[in-house]
Amino acid sequence: MMNETFGSETYDVVVVGGGAAGLSAALVLGRARHRTLVVDAGEPRNAPSSHMQGYLSRDGMAPAEFLALGREEIARYGVELVRGRVTDVTGDGDFTVVLDKGPAVRARRLVVATGLKDEMPAVPGVAERFGRDVLHCPFCHGWEVRDEPFGVLASSAASVHQALMVSQWSKDVVFFLHRVAEEELSDQDLRRLAAAGVEVVPGEVAELVVEDDRLTGVRLADGTVHARSVLFVGPRPVPRTSLLERLGAEMNETPFDTYPVIDSTGLTTVPGVWAAGNLIGFSEQVVHAASGGYRAAAAIVGDLLMADLDAALNG
């Protein structure tokens, strides 16, 4: 259950983000008897999807139901959860966390699990149908749309990989080059597409054709319509890293945007600050995010224990 208020101004750990990574971290921290606050803006990346797949024992569950169960679980261990945003964080080893609602709180450690936002290709109809019959991940949705006529909208020459991958779920795949010139594809790309049975269609995509609230085709700028019932796209992932940047965390530029430098537990280059979930990489699935939150929390439990023991010895 989301609260508008919280019961303390001092916490062992503040978790920023209430998705799979944040809730998983909070569960481990609560069970380890650490006073923990989760601050959740309520903007999960997979909100447009009606189901999530590939998470053992939770396959097919609605994302909203999954998060609701997670909130119930962390509440059993005294973890507090508040709806809101963290607008600023300051400190070094002892942090002041400023919220848009209520007083600032203090935390000895932070887990930043703010995720990312998907920016859709600027084609009419794509954003409106994302998560329904406009999809991005065949591992998430491929089984549910298997053997249907697929389209793949190229956003760069790298989209060839997506077109090849989805061909495992359908043998009727059309690769729309959109604004990518055919000359940008390598000879190996073209040979692989041909071997996979993927049809390559040049020309800019103008819009999606929707009838009775169902995708029925893809219309090119020249007016040609290709009948398709599923369109795979490659959204541009935009990680929500502003809090980490404010704290001075080292970032790593990748072909898929900029992500924090972390160790195997999610520890950033800022002492006392861990990152988990889609914030550390655009391809983190729900199961990966939950695992990352768990690893970060377990590391924090050990870190706080050693800090307390050292303080006692030196006191």
C-alpha atoms as a PDB file:
ATOM      1  CA  MET A   1       0.000   0.000   0.000  1.00  0.00           C
ATOM      2  CA  MET A   2       1.276   3.489  -0.895  1.00  0.00           C
ATOM      3  CA  ASN A   3       1.457   6.036   1.891  1.00  0.00           C
ATOM      4  CA  GLU A   4       1.524   9.795   1.569  1.00  0.00           C
ATOM      5  CA  THR A   5       3.495  10.148   4.812  1.00  0.00           C
ATOM      6  CA  PHE A   6       6.229   8.183   6.541  1.00  0.00           C
ATOM      7  CA  GLY A   7       7.078   7.542  10.129  1.00  0.00           C
ATOM      8  CA  SER A   8      10.724   8.527  10.498  1.00  0.00           C
ATOM      9  CA  GLU A   9      13.266  11.057   9.279  1.00  0.00           C
ATOM     10  CA  THR A  10      16.286   8.796   9.728  1.00  0.00           C
ATOM     11  CA  TYR A  11      16.786   5.498   7.902  1.00  0.00           C
ATOM     12  CA  ASP A  12      19.492   2.967   7.399  1.00  0.00           C
ATOM     13  CA  VAL A  13      18.643   2.844   3.709  1.00  0.00           C
ATOM     14  CA  VAL A  14      16.507   4.876   1.349  1.00  0.00           C
ATOM     15  CA  VAL A  15      15.536   3.092  -1.857  1.00  0.00           C
ATOM     16  CA  VAL A  16      14.678   5.447  -4.697  1.00  0.00           C
ATOM     17  CA  GLY A  17      12.289   3.640  -7.033  1.00  0.00           C
ATOM     18  CA  GLY A  18       9.569   1.093  -6.318  1.00  0.00           C
ATOM     19  CA  GLY A  19       9.864  -1.245  -9.282  1.00  0.00           C
ATOM     20  CA  ALA A  20      11.196  -4.798  -9.270  1.00  0.00           C
ATOM     21  CA  ALA A  21      14.736  -3.742  -8.335  1.00  0.00           C
ATOM     22  CA  GLY A  22      13.713  -1.340  -5.590  1.00  0.00           C
ATOM     23  CA  LEU A  23      11.151  -3.648  -4.004  1.00  0.00           C
ATOM     24  CA  SER A  24      13.529  -6.603  -4.124  1.00  0.00           C
ATOM     25  CA  ALA A  25      16.211  -4.562  -2.377  1.00  0.00           C
ATOM     26  CA  ALA A  26      13.689  -3.371   0.204  1.00  0.00           C
ATOM     27  CA  LEU A  27      12.553  -6.936   0.910  1.00  0.00           C
ATOM     28  CA  VAL A  28      16.083  -8.097   1.681  1.00  0.00           C
ATOM     29  CA  LEU A  29      16.817  -5.005   3.786  1.00  0.00           C
ATOM     30  CA  GLY A  30      13.587  -5.334   5.745  1.00  0.00           C
ATOM     31  CA  ARG A  31      14.256  -8.978   6.489  1.00  0.00           C
ATOM     32  CA  ALA A  32      17.717  -7.968   7.691  1.00  0.00           C
ATOM     33  CA  ARG A  33      16.028  -5.635  10.207  1.00  0.00           C
ATOM     34  CA  HIS A  34      17.213  -2.408   8.619  1.00  0.00           C
ATOM     35  CA  ARG A  35      14.970   0.639   8.787  1.00  0.00           C
ATOM     36  CA  THR A  36      14.181   1.211   5.127  1.00  0.00           C
ATOM     37  CA  LEU A  37      12.158   3.717   3.141  1.00  0.00           C
ATOM     38  CA  VAL A  38      11.101   3.229  -0.475  1.00  0.00           C
ATOM     39  CA  VAL A  39      10.239   6.375  -2.438  1.00  0.00           C
ATOM     40  CA  ASP A  40       8.267   5.544  -5.581  1.00  0.00           C
ATOM     41  CA  ALA A  41       7.144   7.946  -8.305  1.00  0.00           C
ATOM     42  CA  GLY A  42       4.840   5.235  -9.725  1.00  0.00           C
ATOM     43  CA  GLU A  43       6.207   5.203 -13.279  1.00  0.00           C
ATOM     44  CA  PRO A  44       7.301   1.614 -14.012  1.00  0.00           C
ATOM     45  CA  ARG A  45       8.838   1.060 -17.438  1.00  0.00           C
ATOM     46  CA  ASN A  46       6.572  -1.907 -18.218  1.00  0.00           C
ATOM     47  CA  ALA A  47       3.319  -0.120 -17.329  1.00  0.00           C
ATOM     48  CA  PRO A  48       2.037  -0.281 -20.956  1.00  0.00           C
ATOM     49  CA  SER A  49       2.260  -4.093 -20.941  1.00  0.00           C
ATOM     50  CA  SER A  50      -0.659  -6.226 -19.825  1.00  0.00           C
ATOM     51  CA  HIS A  51       1.630  -9.090 -18.806  1.00  0.00           C
ATOM     52  CA  MET A  52       5.247  -9.950 -18.088  1.00  0.00           C
ATOM     53  CA  GLN A  53       6.919 -13.164 -19.140  1.00  0.00           C
ATOM     54  CA  GLY A  54       9.953 -15.264 -18.376  1.00  0.00           C
ATOM     55  CA  TYR A  55       9.912 -14.766 -14.597  1.00  0.00           C
ATOM     56  CA  LEU A  56       9.728 -18.247 -13.103  1.00  0.00           C
ATOM     57  CA  SER A  57       6.490 -18.710 -11.104  1.00  0.00           C
ATOM     58  CA  ARG A  58       5.232 -15.275 -12.244  1.00  0.00           C
ATOM     59  CA  ASP A  59       5.025 -15.927 -15.989  1.00  0.00           C
ATOM     60  CA  GLY A  60       2.065 -14.063 -17.476  1.00  0.00           C
ATOM     61  CA  MET A  61       1.382 -11.939 -14.400  1.00  0.00           C
ATOM     62  CA  ALA A  62       0.259  -8.350 -14.916  1.00  0.00           C
ATOM     63  CA  PRO A  63       3.049  -5.919 -13.950  1.00  0.00           C
ATOM     64  CA  ALA A  64       0.705  -3.944 -11.684  1.00  0.00           C
ATOM     65  CA  GLU A  65      -0.255  -7.126  -9.801  1.00  0.00           C
ATOM     66  CA  PHE A  66       3.413  -8.064  -9.426  1.00  0.00           C
ATOM     67  CA  LEU A  67       4.248  -4.694  -7.880  1.00  0.00           C
ATOM     68  CA  ALA A  68       1.205  -4.800  -5.600  1.00  0.00           C
ATOM     69  CA  LEU A  69       2.319  -8.169  -4.218  1.00  0.00           C
ATOM     70  CA  GLY A  70       5.819  -6.803  -3.729  1.00  0.00           C
ATOM     71  CA  ARG A  71       4.502  -3.868  -1.718  1.00  0.00           C
ATOM     72  CA  GLU A  72       2.533  -6.224   0.496  1.00  0.00           C
ATOM     73  CA  GLU A  73       5.624  -8.357   1.085  1.00  0.00           C
ATOM     74  CA  ILE A  74       7.922  -5.513   2.119  1.00  0.00           C
ATOM     75  CA  ALA A  75       5.263  -4.137   4.474  1.00  0.00           C
ATOM     76  CA  ARG A  76       5.426  -7.381   6.480  1.00  0.00           C
ATOM     77  CA  TYR A  77       8.986  -6.493   7.482  1.00  0.00           C
ATOM     78  CA  GLY A  78       8.326  -2.915   8.478  1.00  0.00           C
ATOM     79  CA  VAL A  79       9.575  -1.287   5.300  1.00  0.00           C
ATOM     80  CA  GLU A  80       7.894   2.057   4.680  1.00  0.00           C
ATOM     81  CA  LEU A  81       6.838   3.109   1.214  1.00  0.00           C
ATOM     82  CA  VAL A  82       5.789   6.572   0.131  1.00  0.00           C
ATOM     83  CA  ARG A  83       4.471   7.922  -3.165  1.00  0.00           C
ATOM     84  CA  GLY A  84       6.654  10.765  -4.315  1.00  0.00           C
ATOM     85  CA  ARG A  85       9.852  11.858  -5.987  1.00  0.00           C
ATOM     86  CA  VAL A  86      13.338  12.430  -4.725  1.00  0.00           C
ATOM     87  CA  THR A  87      14.274  15.863  -6.001  1.00  0.00           C
ATOM     88  CA  ASP A  88      17.783  16.096  -4.553  1.00  0.00           C
ATOM     89  CA  VAL A  89      20.389  14.089  -2.687  1.00  0.00           C
ATOM     90  CA  THR A  90      23.436  15.458  -0.905  1.00  0.00           C
ATOM     91  CA  GLY A  91      26.056  13.992   1.344  1.00  0.00           C
ATOM     92  CA  ASP A  92      28.991  11.627   1.381  1.00  0.00           C
ATOM     93  CA  GLY A  93      28.433   8.445   3.366  1.00  0.00           C
ATOM     94  CA  ASP A  94      25.578  10.080   5.261  1.00  0.00           C
ATOM     95  CA  PHE A  95      22.943  11.355   2.881  1.00  0.00           C
ATOM     96  CA  THR A  96      20.170  13.920   2.988  1.00  0.00           C
ATOM     97  CA  VAL A  97      17.338  12.931   0.689  1.00  0.00           C
ATOM     98  CA  VAL A  98      14.955  15.695  -0.370  1.00  0.00           C
ATOM     99  CA  LEU A  99      11.423  14.661  -1.377  1.00  0.00           C
ATOM    100  CA  ASP A 100       8.801  16.619  -3.249  1.00  0.00           C
ATOM    101  CA  LYS A 101       6.367  15.853  -0.385  1.00  0.00           C
ATOM    102  CA  GLY A 102       7.186  15.957   3.286  1.00  0.00           C
ATOM    103  CA  PRO A 103      10.432  16.659   5.120  1.00  0.00           C
ATOM    104  CA  ALA A 104      13.884  15.661   3.950  1.00  0.00           C
ATOM    105  CA  VAL A 105      15.130  12.370   5.372  1.00  0.00           C
ATOM    106  CA  ARG A 106      18.568  11.071   6.227  1.00  0.00           C
ATOM    107  CA  ALA A 107      20.007   7.770   5.094  1.00  0.00           C
ATOM    108  CA  ARG A 108      23.254   5.935   5.736  1.00  0.00           C
ATOM    109  CA  ARG A 109      23.056   4.148   2.390  1.00  0.00           C
ATOM    110  CA  LEU A 110      21.161   4.605  -0.874  1.00  0.00           C
ATOM    111  CA  VAL A 111      19.794   2.281  -3.534  1.00  0.00           C
ATOM    112  CA  VAL A 112      18.968   4.169  -6.723  1.00  0.00           C
ATOM    113  CA  ALA A 113      16.553   2.157  -8.854  1.00  0.00           C
ATOM    114  CA  THR A 114      14.945   4.926 -10.886  1.00  0.00           C
ATOM    115  CA  GLY A 115      14.890   2.950 -14.133  1.00  0.00           C
ATOM    116  CA  LEU A 116      14.601   4.493 -17.552  1.00  0.00           C
ATOM    117  CA  LYS A 117      12.096   5.914 -19.988  1.00  0.00           C
ATOM    118  CA  ASP A 118      11.539   4.536 -23.491  1.00  0.00           C
ATOM    119  CA  GLU A 119      11.336   7.181 -26.215  1.00  0.00           C
ATOM    120  CA  MET A 120       9.292   5.835 -29.115  1.00  0.00           C
ATOM    121  CA  PRO A 121      10.099   6.344 -32.802  1.00  0.00           C
ATOM    122  CA  ALA A 122       8.252   9.384 -34.168  1.00  0.00           C
ATOM    123  CA  VAL A 123       5.804   7.418 -36.314  1.00  0.00           C
ATOM    124  CA  PRO A 124       2.080   8.076 -35.825  1.00  0.00           C
ATOM    125  CA  GLY A 125       0.465   5.225 -33.920  1.00  0.00           C
ATOM    126  CA  VAL A 126       3.631   3.697 -32.468  1.00  0.00           C
ATOM    127  CA  ALA A 127       3.571   5.298 -29.014  1.00  0.00           C
ATOM    128  CA  GLU A 128      -0.198   4.805 -28.675  1.00  0.00           C
ATOM    129  CA  ARG A 129       0.008   1.071 -29.314  1.00  0.00           C
ATOM    130  CA  PHE A 130       3.247   0.311 -27.503  1.00  0.00           C
ATOM    131  CA  GLY A 131       2.864  -2.717 -25.246  1.00  0.00           C
ATOM    132  CA  ARG A 132      -0.126  -4.018 -27.209  1.00  0.00           C
ATOM    133  CA  ASP A 133       0.719  -4.878 -30.813  1.00  0.00           C
ATOM    134  CA  VAL A 134       3.735  -2.565 -31.022  1.00  0.00           C
ATOM    135  CA  LEU A 135       6.448  -4.406 -29.091  1.00  0.00           C
ATOM    136  CA  HIS A 136      10.179  -4.235 -28.472  1.00  0.00           C
ATOM    137  CA  CYS A 137      11.239  -7.519 -26.865  1.00  0.00           C
ATOM    138  CA  PRO A 138      10.577 -10.956 -28.398  1.00  0.00           C
ATOM    139  CA  PHE A 139      11.544 -12.663 -25.136  1.00  0.00           C
ATOM    140  CA  CYS A 140       8.804 -10.683 -23.393  1.00  0.00           C
ATOM    141  CA  HIS A 141       6.064 -11.027 -26.002  1.00  0.00           C
ATOM    142  CA  GLY A 142       7.204 -13.355 -28.802  1.00  0.00           C
ATOM    143  CA  TRP A 143       5.301 -16.433 -27.660  1.00  0.00           C
ATOM    144  CA  GLU A 144       2.014 -14.529 -27.386  1.00  0.00           C
ATOM    145  CA  VAL A 145       2.234 -13.290 -31.008  1.00  0.00           C
ATOM    146  CA  ARG A 146       3.997 -16.308 -32.531  1.00  0.00           C
ATOM    147  CA  ASP A 147       3.372 -17.044 -36.221  1.00  0.00           C
ATOM    148  CA  GLU A 148       1.631 -13.720 -36.829  1.00  0.00           C
ATOM    149  CA  PRO A 149       2.818 -11.368 -39.602  1.00  0.00           C
ATOM    150  CA  PHE A 150       5.611  -9.326 -38.027  1.00  0.00           C
ATOM    151  CA  GLY A 151       7.041  -5.991 -39.004  1.00  0.00           C
ATOM    152  CA  VAL A 152      10.285  -4.559 -37.656  1.00  0.00           C
ATOM    153  CA  LEU A 153      10.836  -0.804 -37.803  1.00  0.00           C
ATOM    154  CA  ALA A 154      14.499   0.075 -38.267  1.00  0.00           C
ATOM    155  CA  SER A 155      15.894   2.893 -36.168  1.00  0.00           C
ATOM    156  CA  SER A 156      19.493   2.240 -37.224  1.00  0.00           C
ATOM    157  CA  ALA A 157      21.536  -0.391 -39.011  1.00  0.00           C
ATOM    158  CA  ALA A 158      21.744  -2.187 -35.638  1.00  0.00           C
ATOM    159  CA  SER A 159      18.027  -2.988 -35.988  1.00  0.00           C
ATOM    160  CA  VAL A 160      19.076  -5.884 -38.216  1.00  0.00           C
ATOM    161  CA  HIS A 161      19.745  -7.836 -35.014  1.00  0.00           C
ATOM    162  CA  GLN A 162      16.157  -7.324 -33.867  1.00  0.00           C
ATOM    163  CA  ALA A 163      14.784  -8.422 -37.238  1.00  0.00           C
ATOM    164  CA  LEU A 164      16.866 -11.587 -37.118  1.00  0.00           C
ATOM    165  CA  MET A 165      15.888 -12.367 -33.529  1.00  0.00           C
ATOM    166  CA  VAL A 166      12.141 -12.071 -34.051  1.00  0.00           C
ATOM    167  CA  SER A 167      12.342 -14.454 -37.017  1.00  0.00           C
ATOM    168  CA  GLN A 168      12.517 -17.264 -34.445  1.00  0.00           C
ATOM    169  CA  TRP A 169       8.900 -16.538 -33.499  1.00  0.00           C
ATOM    170  CA  SER A 170       7.482 -16.005 -36.991  1.00  0.00           C
ATOM    171  CA  LYS A 171       8.543 -16.919 -40.497  1.00  0.00           C
ATOM    172  CA  ASP A 172       6.632 -13.937 -41.907  1.00  0.00           C
ATOM    173  CA  VAL A 173       8.837 -10.944 -41.076  1.00  0.00           C
ATOM    174  CA  VAL A 174       9.127  -7.659 -42.970  1.00  0.00           C
ATOM    175  CA  PHE A 175      12.030  -5.359 -42.115  1.00  0.00           C
ATOM    176  CA  PHE A 176      11.037  -1.744 -42.780  1.00  0.00           C
ATOM    177  CA  LEU A 177      14.207   0.276 -43.352  1.00  0.00           C
ATOM    178  CA  HIS A 178      12.305   3.512 -42.679  1.00  0.00           C
ATOM    179  CA  ARG A 179      15.028   6.193 -42.668  1.00  0.00           C
ATOM    180  CA  VAL A 180      17.936   3.752 -42.855  1.00  0.00           C
ATOM    181  CA  ALA A 181      19.514   3.495 -46.296  1.00  0.00           C
ATOM    182  CA  GLU A 182      20.002  -0.011 -47.624  1.00  0.00           C
ATOM    183  CA  GLU A 183      23.649   0.915 -48.232  1.00  0.00           C
ATOM    184  CA  GLU A 184      24.106   1.159 -44.449  1.00  0.00           C
ATOM    185  CA  LEU A 185      23.558  -2.586 -44.144  1.00  0.00           C
ATOM    186  CA  SER A 186      26.581  -4.804 -44.596  1.00  0.00           C
ATOM    187  CA  ASP A 187      26.708  -7.673 -47.054  1.00  0.00           C
ATOM    188  CA  GLN A 188      26.669 -10.048 -44.093  1.00  0.00           C
ATOM    189  CA  ASP A 189      23.535  -8.322 -42.752  1.00  0.00           C
ATOM    190  CA  LEU A 190      21.756  -8.786 -46.069  1.00  0.00           C
ATOM    191  CA  ARG A 191      22.843 -12.433 -46.369  1.00  0.00           C
ATOM    192  CA  ARG A 192      21.644 -13.212 -42.863  1.00  0.00           C
ATOM    193  CA  LEU A 193      18.308 -11.491 -43.426  1.00  0.00           C
ATOM    194  CA  ALA A 194      17.830 -13.479 -46.614  1.00  0.00           C
ATOM    195  CA  ALA A 195      18.799 -16.736 -44.886  1.00  0.00           C
ATOM    196  CA  ALA A 196      16.259 -16.008 -42.130  1.00  0.00           C
ATOM    197  CA  GLY A 197      13.541 -15.331 -44.710  1.00  0.00           C
ATOM    198  CA  VAL A 198      13.185 -11.683 -43.682  1.00  0.00           C
ATOM    199  CA  GLU A 199      11.868  -9.383 -46.420  1.00  0.00           C
ATOM    200  CA  VAL A 200      13.668  -6.022 -46.564  1.00  0.00           C
ATOM    201  CA  VAL A 201      11.445  -3.089 -47.547  1.00  0.00           C
ATOM    202  CA  PRO A 202      13.041   0.324 -48.215  1.00  0.00           C
ATOM    203  CA  GLY A 203      11.115   3.555 -47.856  1.00  0.00           C
ATOM    204  CA  GLU A 204       9.983   5.708 -44.958  1.00  0.00           C
ATOM    205  CA  VAL A 205       7.119   4.516 -42.787  1.00  0.00           C
ATOM    206  CA  ALA A 206       4.373   7.153 -42.608  1.00  0.00           C
ATOM    207  CA  GLU A 207       1.945   5.628 -40.102  1.00  0.00           C
ATOM    208  CA  LEU A 208       0.341   2.520 -38.702  1.00  0.00           C
ATOM    209  CA  VAL A 209      -2.980   1.273 -39.989  1.00  0.00           C
ATOM    210  CA  VAL A 210      -5.379   0.456 -37.163  1.00  0.00           C
ATOM    211  CA  GLU A 211      -8.862  -1.040 -37.571  1.00  0.00           C
ATOM    212  CA  ASP A 212     -11.218  -1.944 -34.726  1.00  0.00           C
ATOM    213  CA  ASP A 213      -8.439  -1.100 -32.269  1.00  0.00           C
ATOM    214  CA  ARG A 214      -6.081  -3.635 -33.856  1.00  0.00           C
ATOM    215  CA  LEU A 215      -2.945  -3.110 -35.897  1.00  0.00           C
ATOM    216  CA  THR A 216      -3.629  -4.290 -39.423  1.00  0.00           C
ATOM    217  CA  GLY A 217      -0.851  -2.750 -41.455  1.00  0.00           C
ATOM    218  CA  VAL A 218       2.080  -0.409 -41.946  1.00  0.00           C
ATOM    219  CA  ARG A 219       1.705   2.412 -44.482  1.00  0.00           C
ATOM    220  CA  LEU A 220       4.755   3.790 -46.261  1.00  0.00           C
ATOM    221  CA  ALA A 221       5.175   7.390 -47.388  1.00  0.00           C
ATOM    222  CA  ASP A 222       4.390   6.361 -50.974  1.00  0.00           C
ATOM    223  CA  GLY A 223       0.992   5.048 -49.842  1.00  0.00           C
ATOM    224  CA  THR A 224       1.879   1.360 -50.006  1.00  0.00           C
ATOM    225  CA  VAL A 225       0.366  -0.673 -47.169  1.00  0.00           C
ATOM    226  CA  HIS A 226       1.930  -3.874 -45.890  1.00  0.00           C
ATOM    227  CA  ALA A 227      -0.477  -6.032 -43.905  1.00  0.00           C
ATOM    228  CA  ARG A 228       1.044  -6.666 -40.461  1.00  0.00           C
ATOM    229  CA  SER A 229      -0.524  -7.482 -37.105  1.00  0.00           C
ATOM    230  CA  VAL A 230       2.607  -6.961 -34.972  1.00  0.00           C
ATOM    231  CA  LEU A 231       5.321  -4.330 -35.206  1.00  0.00           C
ATOM    232  CA  PHE A 232       8.605  -4.557 -33.324  1.00  0.00           C
ATOM    233  CA  VAL A 233      10.415  -1.304 -32.647  1.00  0.00           C
ATOM    234  CA  GLY A 234      13.599  -0.222 -30.925  1.00  0.00           C
ATOM    235  CA  PRO A 235      12.790   2.572 -28.460  1.00  0.00           C
ATOM    236  CA  ARG A 236      15.545   4.905 -27.381  1.00  0.00           C
ATOM    237  CA  PRO A 237      16.245   4.152 -23.710  1.00  0.00           C
ATOM    238  CA  VAL A 238      16.783   7.234 -21.540  1.00  0.00           C
ATOM    239  CA  PRO A 239      18.169   6.248 -18.111  1.00  0.00           C
ATOM    240  CA  ARG A 240      17.022   8.355 -15.167  1.00  0.00           C
ATOM    241  CA  THR A 241      20.499   9.051 -13.816  1.00  0.00           C
ATOM    242  CA  SER A 242      20.094  12.630 -12.576  1.00  0.00           C
ATOM    243  CA  LEU A 243      20.423  11.713  -8.886  1.00  0.00           C
ATOM    244  CA  LEU A 244      23.600   9.747  -9.487  1.00  0.00           C
ATOM    245  CA  GLU A 245      25.048  12.551 -11.568  1.00  0.00           C
ATOM    246  CA  ARG A 246      24.231  15.011  -8.796  1.00  0.00           C
ATOM    247  CA  LEU A 247      26.193  12.840  -6.378  1.00  0.00           C
ATOM    248  CA  GLY A 248      29.153  12.738  -8.757  1.00  0.00           C
ATOM    249  CA  ALA A 249      28.905   9.089  -9.800  1.00  0.00           C
ATOM    250  CA  GLU A 250      31.137   8.082 -12.670  1.00  0.00           C
ATOM    251  CA  MET A 251      29.182   7.344 -15.833  1.00  0.00           C
ATOM    252  CA  ASN A 252      29.939   5.155 -18.831  1.00  0.00           C
ATOM    253  CA  GLU A 253      28.884   6.137 -22.339  1.00  0.00           C
ATOM    254  CA  THR A 254      27.583   3.215 -24.384  1.00  0.00           C
ATOM    255  CA  PRO A 255      25.928   2.923 -27.819  1.00  0.00           C
ATOM    256  CA  PHE A 256      22.657   2.712 -25.847  1.00  0.00           C
ATOM    257  CA  ASP A 257      23.078   5.914 -23.786  1.00  0.00           C
ATOM    258  CA  THR A 258      24.968   6.607 -20.555  1.00  0.00           C
ATOM    259  CA  TYR A 259      24.850   4.323 -17.513  1.00  0.00           C
ATOM    260  CA  PRO A 260      26.592   4.350 -14.120  1.00  0.00           C
ATOM    261  CA  VAL A 261      29.863   2.541 -13.548  1.00  0.00           C
ATOM    262  CA  ILE A 262      29.165  -0.193 -10.967  1.00  0.00           C
ATOM    263  CA  ASP A 263      30.800  -3.241  -9.459  1.00  0.00           C
ATOM    264  CA  SER A 264      29.314  -6.740  -9.339  1.00  0.00           C
ATOM    265  CA  THR A 265      26.960  -5.784  -6.477  1.00  0.00           C
ATOM    266  CA  GLY A 266      25.734  -2.550  -8.069  1.00  0.00           C
ATOM    267  CA  LEU A 267      27.970  -0.262  -5.990  1.00  0.00           C
ATOM    268  CA  THR A 268      28.633   2.970  -7.863  1.00  0.00           C
ATOM    269  CA  THR A 269      31.805   5.022  -7.626  1.00  0.00           C
ATOM    270  CA  VAL A 270      30.115   7.022  -4.842  1.00  0.00           C
ATOM    271  CA  PRO A 271      30.675   5.274  -1.484  1.00  0.00           C
ATOM    272  CA  GLY A 272      27.377   4.186   0.026  1.00  0.00           C
ATOM    273  CA  VAL A 273      25.374   4.425  -3.199  1.00  0.00           C
ATOM    274  CA  TRP A 274      24.183   1.380  -5.140  1.00  0.00           C
ATOM    275  CA  ALA A 275      22.299   1.259  -8.463  1.00  0.00           C
ATOM    276  CA  ALA A 276      20.021  -1.514  -9.723  1.00  0.00           C
ATOM    277  CA  GLY A 277      17.457  -2.310 -12.399  1.00  0.00           C
ATOM    278  CA  ASN A 278      17.099  -0.636 -15.787  1.00  0.00           C
ATOM    279  CA  LEU A 279      19.184   2.253 -14.505  1.00  0.00           C
ATOM    280  CA  ILE A 280      22.274   0.094 -15.070  1.00  0.00           C
ATOM    281  CA  GLY A 281      21.337  -1.208 -18.536  1.00  0.00           C
ATOM    282  CA  PHE A 282      18.448  -1.023 -20.985  1.00  0.00           C
ATOM    283  CA  SER A 283      18.166  -4.808 -21.416  1.00  0.00           C
ATOM    284  CA  GLU A 284      17.518  -5.618 -17.738  1.00  0.00           C
ATOM    285  CA  GLN A 285      14.363  -7.751 -17.626  1.00  0.00           C
ATOM    286  CA  VAL A 286      12.150  -7.877 -14.520  1.00  0.00           C
ATOM    287  CA  VAL A 287      13.894 -11.000 -13.268  1.00  0.00           C
ATOM    288  CA  HIS A 288      17.307  -9.344 -13.730  1.00  0.00           C
ATOM    289  CA  ALA A 289      16.147  -6.192 -11.970  1.00  0.00           C
ATOM    290  CA  ALA A 290      14.862  -8.167  -8.991  1.00  0.00           C
ATOM    291  CA  SER A 291      18.156 -10.055  -8.807  1.00  0.00           C
ATOM    292  CA  GLY A 292      20.139  -6.814  -8.969  1.00  0.00           C
ATOM    293  CA  GLY A 293      18.119  -5.328  -6.137  1.00  0.00           C
ATOM    294  CA  TYR A 294      18.766  -8.426  -4.044  1.00  0.00           C
ATOM    295  CA  ARG A 295      22.528  -8.291  -4.683  1.00  0.00           C
ATOM    296  CA  ALA A 296      22.713  -4.604  -3.817  1.00  0.00           C
ATOM    297  CA  ALA A 297      20.763  -5.086  -0.584  1.00  0.00           C
ATOM    298  CA  ALA A 298      22.864  -8.045   0.524  1.00  0.00           C
ATOM    299  CA  ALA A 299      26.019  -5.994  -0.037  1.00  0.00           C
ATOM    300  CA  ILE A 300      24.565  -3.100   1.956  1.00  0.00           C
ATOM    301  CA  VAL A 301      23.711  -5.368   4.895  1.00  0.00           C
ATOM    302  CA  GLY A 302      27.331  -6.478   5.080  1.00  0.00           C
ATOM    303  CA  ASP A 303      28.611  -2.933   4.550  1.00  0.00           C
ATOM    304  CA  LEU A 304      26.526  -1.515   7.392  1.00  0.00           C
ATOM    305  CA  LEU A 305      27.501  -4.370   9.699  1.00  0.00           C
ATOM    306  CA  MET A 306      31.218  -3.774   9.170  1.00  0.00           C
ATOM    307  CA  ALA A 307      30.781  -0.010   9.558  1.00  0.00           C
ATOM    308  CA  ASP A 308      28.994  -0.496  12.892  1.00  0.00           C
ATOM    309  CA  LEU A 309      31.557  -2.981  14.175  1.00  0.00           C
ATOM    310  CA  ASP A 310      34.450  -0.717  13.213  1.00  0.00           C
ATOM    311  CA  ALA A 311      32.750   2.240  14.867  1.00  0.00           C
ATOM    312  CA  ALA A 312      32.304   0.238  18.068  1.00  0.00           C
ATOM    313  CA  LEU A 313      35.935  -0.878  18.053  1.00  0.00           C
ATOM    314  CA  ASN A 314      37.191   2.645  17.452  1.00  0.00           C
ATOM    315  CA  GLY A 315      34.744   4.213  19.912  1.00  0.00           C
END
